[in-house]
C-alpha cells in the first residue's frame, strides 16, 4: 500500500529525482573520519544542526505549557518540571541545549576560519553563517528571561544595559526589546517571548535554507 501511495505521488510531482540527488551525493574523502582522523572537525556543522533540531522540537513541547505573563510564567515552568510527564527532561534538554548549540556553532565557525573555507567562492555563505550565529545568540538571550526568576531578571537587565550602550541607537534598541526603558515587566516578557518563538525562528529557518543551498551548490570546502 505504501508503494502504491508513493507511486501515486511520484507520478504527479516527480519526487524521486529529488531524494535520489540527496541520497547519491558523495561525501568527499577528507571529511570522512574513516580515512582521516582530523575529519571529525568537519562534523561540527552537522552536530550544530542536530542540536538545533532538538531545540526546535523541545521548544515546541515547552510552548504547550508555558504561559508568557508575569503572573503565571514561573508557575507554568514549575508545573512543567514537577507535574508533567518527562517535563523536567524536555526542559533540561532545551536548557542545556541552548548553551551546547552556541558552543558547537562557535567550534564550527573556528573550523571554517582556520581551514580557510570562508574564501572565494564561499564568502556569501560565511556571511550567512555569521548571521546564523547572531540569530542563535539572540535566541539564547531572549529565552533566558522566559522562566521569570531572579537570575533571568538580573541577567536580562545586564543585557539590556549593554544594548543601551550602543551609540546613537542604544536607547531605541532597549525600548524595542523591553517595551519600557525604565522597568523590566510584562511588556518585556511578552516581547521576549514573541521574538524567541516567532521572529528569530523565522529568520533562522530562512538563513538555514540559504546556508544549505549554498553548501549544496558549492560543495564542502577542501582539506587543509
Protein backbone atom coordinates (compact mmCIF):
# COMPACT_ATOMS: atom_id res chain seq x y z
CA UNK A 1 0.00 0.00 0.00
CA UNK A 2 2.83 2.40 0.86
CA UNK A 3 4.44 1.70 -2.50
CA UNK A 4 1.18 2.50 -4.28
CA UNK A 5 0.84 5.76 -2.34
CA UNK A 6 4.43 6.68 -3.19
CA UNK A 7 3.95 5.84 -6.87
CA UNK A 8 0.75 7.92 -6.97
CA UNK A 9 2.57 10.94 -5.52
CA UNK A 10 5.66 10.38 -7.67
CA UNK A 11 3.60 10.26 -10.87
CA UNK A 12 2.23 13.72 -10.11
CA UNK A 13 5.16 15.69 -8.66
CA UNK A 14 8.17 13.51 -9.58
CA UNK A 15 9.82 13.37 -6.14
CA UNK A 16 12.23 10.51 -6.91
CA UNK A 17 14.94 12.69 -8.54
CA UNK A 18 14.88 15.00 -5.50
CA UNK A 19 15.70 12.40 -2.86
CA UNK A 20 17.94 10.40 -5.19
CA UNK A 21 20.04 13.51 -5.74
CA UNK A 22 20.50 13.81 -1.98
CA UNK A 23 21.00 10.10 -1.31
CA UNK A 24 23.54 9.62 -4.13
CA UNK A 25 25.59 12.70 -3.25
CA UNK A 26 29.14 11.56 -2.46
CA UNK A 27 30.88 12.83 0.66
CA UNK A 28 34.46 13.98 -0.01
CA UNK A 29 37.12 11.68 1.39
CA UNK A 30 38.71 14.36 3.55
CA UNK A 31 35.55 14.73 5.66
CA UNK A 32 35.25 11.00 6.36
CA UNK A 33 36.74 10.07 9.77
CA UNK A 34 37.33 6.55 8.44
CA UNK A 35 40.07 7.94 6.19
CA UNK A 36 41.35 10.92 8.19
CA UNK A 37 41.17 11.32 11.96
CA UNK A 38 41.19 15.12 11.60
CA UNK A 39 37.95 14.86 9.63
CA UNK A 40 35.98 14.96 12.89
CA UNK A 41 36.27 18.77 12.82
CA UNK A 42 34.01 18.73 9.77
CA UNK A 43 31.25 17.23 11.95
CA UNK A 44 30.72 20.41 13.95
CA UNK A 45 28.28 21.83 11.42
CA UNK A 46 26.18 18.68 11.35
CA UNK A 47 26.20 18.45 15.15
CA UNK A 48 25.08 22.08 15.35
CA UNK A 49 22.15 21.30 13.05
CA UNK A 50 21.28 18.18 15.06
CA UNK A 51 21.18 20.13 18.34
CA UNK A 52 19.17 22.88 16.64
CA UNK A 53 16.53 20.31 15.64
CA UNK A 54 16.40 19.12 19.26
CA UNK A 55 15.95 22.72 20.39
CA UNK A 56 13.08 23.23 17.96
CA UNK A 57 11.28 20.04 18.95
CA UNK A 58 11.75 20.54 22.69
CA UNK A 59 10.73 24.20 22.35
CA UNK A 60 7.50 23.21 20.60
CA UNK A 61 6.73 20.92 23.55
CA UNK A 62 7.51 23.65 26.08
CA UNK A 63 5.16 26.15 24.42
CA UNK A 64 2.27 23.77 25.11
CA UNK A 65 2.62 24.53 28.84
CA UNK A 66 4.40 27.87 29.11
CA UNK A 67 2.31 30.97 29.89
CA UNK A 68 4.03 34.22 28.83
CA UNK A 69 2.82 36.61 31.52
CA UNK A 70 4.46 37.82 34.71
CA UNK A 71 1.84 36.19 36.95
CA UNK A 72 1.96 32.66 35.58
CA UNK A 73 5.32 32.33 33.77
CA UNK A 74 7.29 30.95 36.71
CA UNK A 75 4.36 28.81 37.88
CA UNK A 76 3.97 27.29 34.41
CA UNK A 77 7.65 26.33 34.34
CA UNK A 78 7.35 24.86 37.84
CA UNK A 79 4.27 22.87 36.80
CA UNK A 80 6.09 21.64 33.70
CA UNK A 81 9.01 20.35 35.74
CA UNK A 82 7.07 18.89 38.66
CA UNK A 83 3.79 17.57 37.25
CA UNK A 84 4.19 16.95 33.51
CA UNK A 85 5.46 13.53 32.48
CA UNK A 86 9.07 13.87 31.27
CA UNK A 87 8.71 17.65 31.53
CA UNK A 88 11.88 18.06 33.55
CA UNK A 89 13.79 16.04 30.94
CA UNK A 90 12.49 18.04 27.98
CA UNK A 91 13.13 21.35 29.71
CA UNK A 92 16.59 20.16 30.71
CA UNK A 93 17.32 19.26 27.08
CA UNK A 94 16.21 22.71 25.97
CA UNK A 95 18.06 24.50 28.76
CA UNK A 96 21.42 22.77 28.28
CA UNK A 97 20.97 22.53 24.53
CA UNK A 98 20.83 26.32 24.35
CA UNK A 99 24.39 26.51 25.65
CA UNK A 100 25.61 23.49 23.72
CA UNK A 101 24.37 24.75 20.35
CA UNK A 102 26.25 28.03 20.85
CA UNK A 103 29.43 26.12 21.71
CA UNK A 104 29.08 23.85 18.68
CA UNK A 105 28.38 26.80 16.39
CA UNK A 106 31.46 28.56 17.74
CA UNK A 107 33.59 25.45 17.05
CA UNK A 108 32.10 25.20 13.56
CA UNK A 109 32.95 28.86 12.94
CA UNK A 110 36.53 28.25 14.10
CA UNK A 111 36.84 25.28 11.76
CA UNK A 112 35.60 27.33 8.80
CA UNK A 113 38.00 30.16 9.65
CA UNK A 114 41.15 28.11 10.24
CA UNK A 115 40.59 25.93 7.17
CA UNK A 116 40.01 28.99 5.00
CA UNK A 117 36.54 27.83 3.99
CA UNK A 118 35.30 31.44 4.06
CA UNK A 119 37.34 32.36 0.99
CA UNK A 120 36.16 32.53 -2.62
CA UNK A 121 33.69 31.33 -3.74
CA UNK A 122 32.14 30.85 -0.28
CA UNK A 123 32.19 34.42 1.05
CA UNK A 124 28.39 34.72 0.92
CA UNK A 125 27.94 31.52 2.89
CA UNK A 126 30.35 32.87 5.51
CA UNK A 127 28.16 35.98 5.86
CA UNK A 128 25.06 33.79 6.18
CA UNK A 129 26.82 31.72 8.82
CA UNK A 130 27.73 34.81 10.85
CA UNK A 131 24.11 35.94 10.67
CA UNK A 132 23.03 32.48 11.85
CA UNK A 133 25.40 32.82 14.79
CA UNK A 134 23.87 36.20 15.67
CA UNK A 135 20.35 34.76 15.47
CA UNK A 136 21.35 31.83 17.70
CA UNK A 137 22.81 34.21 20.29
CA UNK A 138 19.58 36.20 20.13
CA UNK A 139 17.58 33.05 20.77
CA UNK A 140 19.75 32.22 23.77
CA UNK A 141 19.38 35.74 25.17
CA UNK A 142 15.63 36.06 24.70
CA UNK A 143 14.97 32.57 26.04
CA UNK A 144 16.90 33.25 29.25
CA UNK A 145 14.21 35.59 30.58
CA UNK A 146 11.26 33.29 29.99
CA UNK A 147 11.45 31.29 33.27
CA UNK A 148 10.91 34.68 35.00
CA UNK A 149 13.11 34.00 38.04
CA UNK A 150 15.55 36.37 39.72
CA UNK A 151 18.58 35.08 37.83
CA UNK A 152 16.84 35.62 34.49
CA UNK A 153 15.60 39.05 35.57
CA UNK A 154 19.01 40.43 36.51
CA UNK A 155 20.77 38.78 33.57
CA UNK A 156 18.28 40.42 31.22
CA UNK A 157 18.82 43.77 32.93
CA UNK A 158 22.55 43.47 32.25
CA UNK A 159 21.88 42.53 28.62
CA UNK A 160 19.52 45.45 28.10
CA UNK A 161 22.04 47.84 29.66
CA UNK A 162 24.64 46.55 27.18
CA UNK A 163 22.20 47.12 24.33
CA UNK A 164 21.53 50.63 25.60
CA UNK A 165 25.26 51.40 25.46
CA UNK A 166 25.27 51.11 21.65
CA UNK A 167 26.00 54.59 20.23
CA UNK A 168 23.08 56.60 18.79
CA UNK A 169 20.51 53.73 18.67
CA UNK A 170 21.12 52.07 22.04
CA UNK A 171 18.12 53.51 23.85
CA UNK A 172 15.88 52.73 20.87
CA UNK A 173 17.08 49.09 20.87
CA UNK A 174 16.45 48.79 24.61
CA UNK A 175 12.94 50.21 24.27
CA UNK A 176 12.22 47.93 21.32
CA UNK A 177 13.23 44.86 23.35
CA UNK A 178 11.90 45.82 26.76
CA UNK A 179 8.82 47.79 25.76
CA UNK A 180 9.67 50.26 28.51
CA UNK A 181 13.03 51.93 29.01
CA UNK A 182 12.64 52.16 32.78
CA UNK A 183 11.45 48.75 34.00
CA UNK A 184 11.55 45.07 33.04
CA UNK A 185 7.94 43.94 33.25
CA UNK A 186 5.03 42.41 31.41
CA UNK A 187 5.83 44.06 28.08
CA UNK A 188 9.43 42.85 28.27
CA UNK A 189 8.42 39.24 28.90
CA UNK A 190 5.81 39.31 26.12
CA UNK A 191 8.22 40.81 23.62
CA UNK A 192 10.99 38.40 24.51
CA UNK A 193 8.57 35.51 24.10
CA UNK A 194 7.40 36.76 20.69
CA UNK A 195 10.95 37.34 19.50
CA UNK A 196 12.08 33.96 20.82
CA UNK A 197 9.20 31.93 19.40
CA UNK A 198 8.25 33.75 16.18
CA UNK A 199 10.67 36.35 14.82
CA UNK A 200 14.06 34.74 15.41
CA UNK A 201 12.97 31.20 14.42
CA UNK A 202 11.60 32.61 11.14
CA UNK A 203 14.97 34.25 10.45
CA UNK A 204 16.71 31.02 11.50
CA UNK A 205 14.76 28.88 9.02
CA UNK A 206 15.39 31.29 6.13
CA UNK A 207 19.11 31.56 6.83
CA UNK A 208 19.47 27.79 7.31
CA UNK A 209 17.77 27.16 3.97
CA UNK A 210 20.15 29.60 2.24
CA UNK A 211 23.11 28.06 4.07
CA UNK A 212 22.26 24.53 2.95
CA UNK A 213 21.50 25.57 -0.63
CA UNK A 214 24.88 27.29 -0.89
CA UNK A 215 26.67 24.28 0.61
CA UNK A 216 24.88 22.04 -1.86
CA UNK A 217 25.85 24.19 -4.85
CA UNK A 218 29.41 24.98 -3.82
CA UNK A 219 30.26 21.72 -2.10
CA UNK A 220 32.18 21.14 1.10
CA UNK A 221 35.46 23.03 1.28
CA UNK A 222 38.65 21.15 0.58
CA UNK A 223 41.19 19.85 3.12
CA UNK A 224 43.89 21.96 4.73
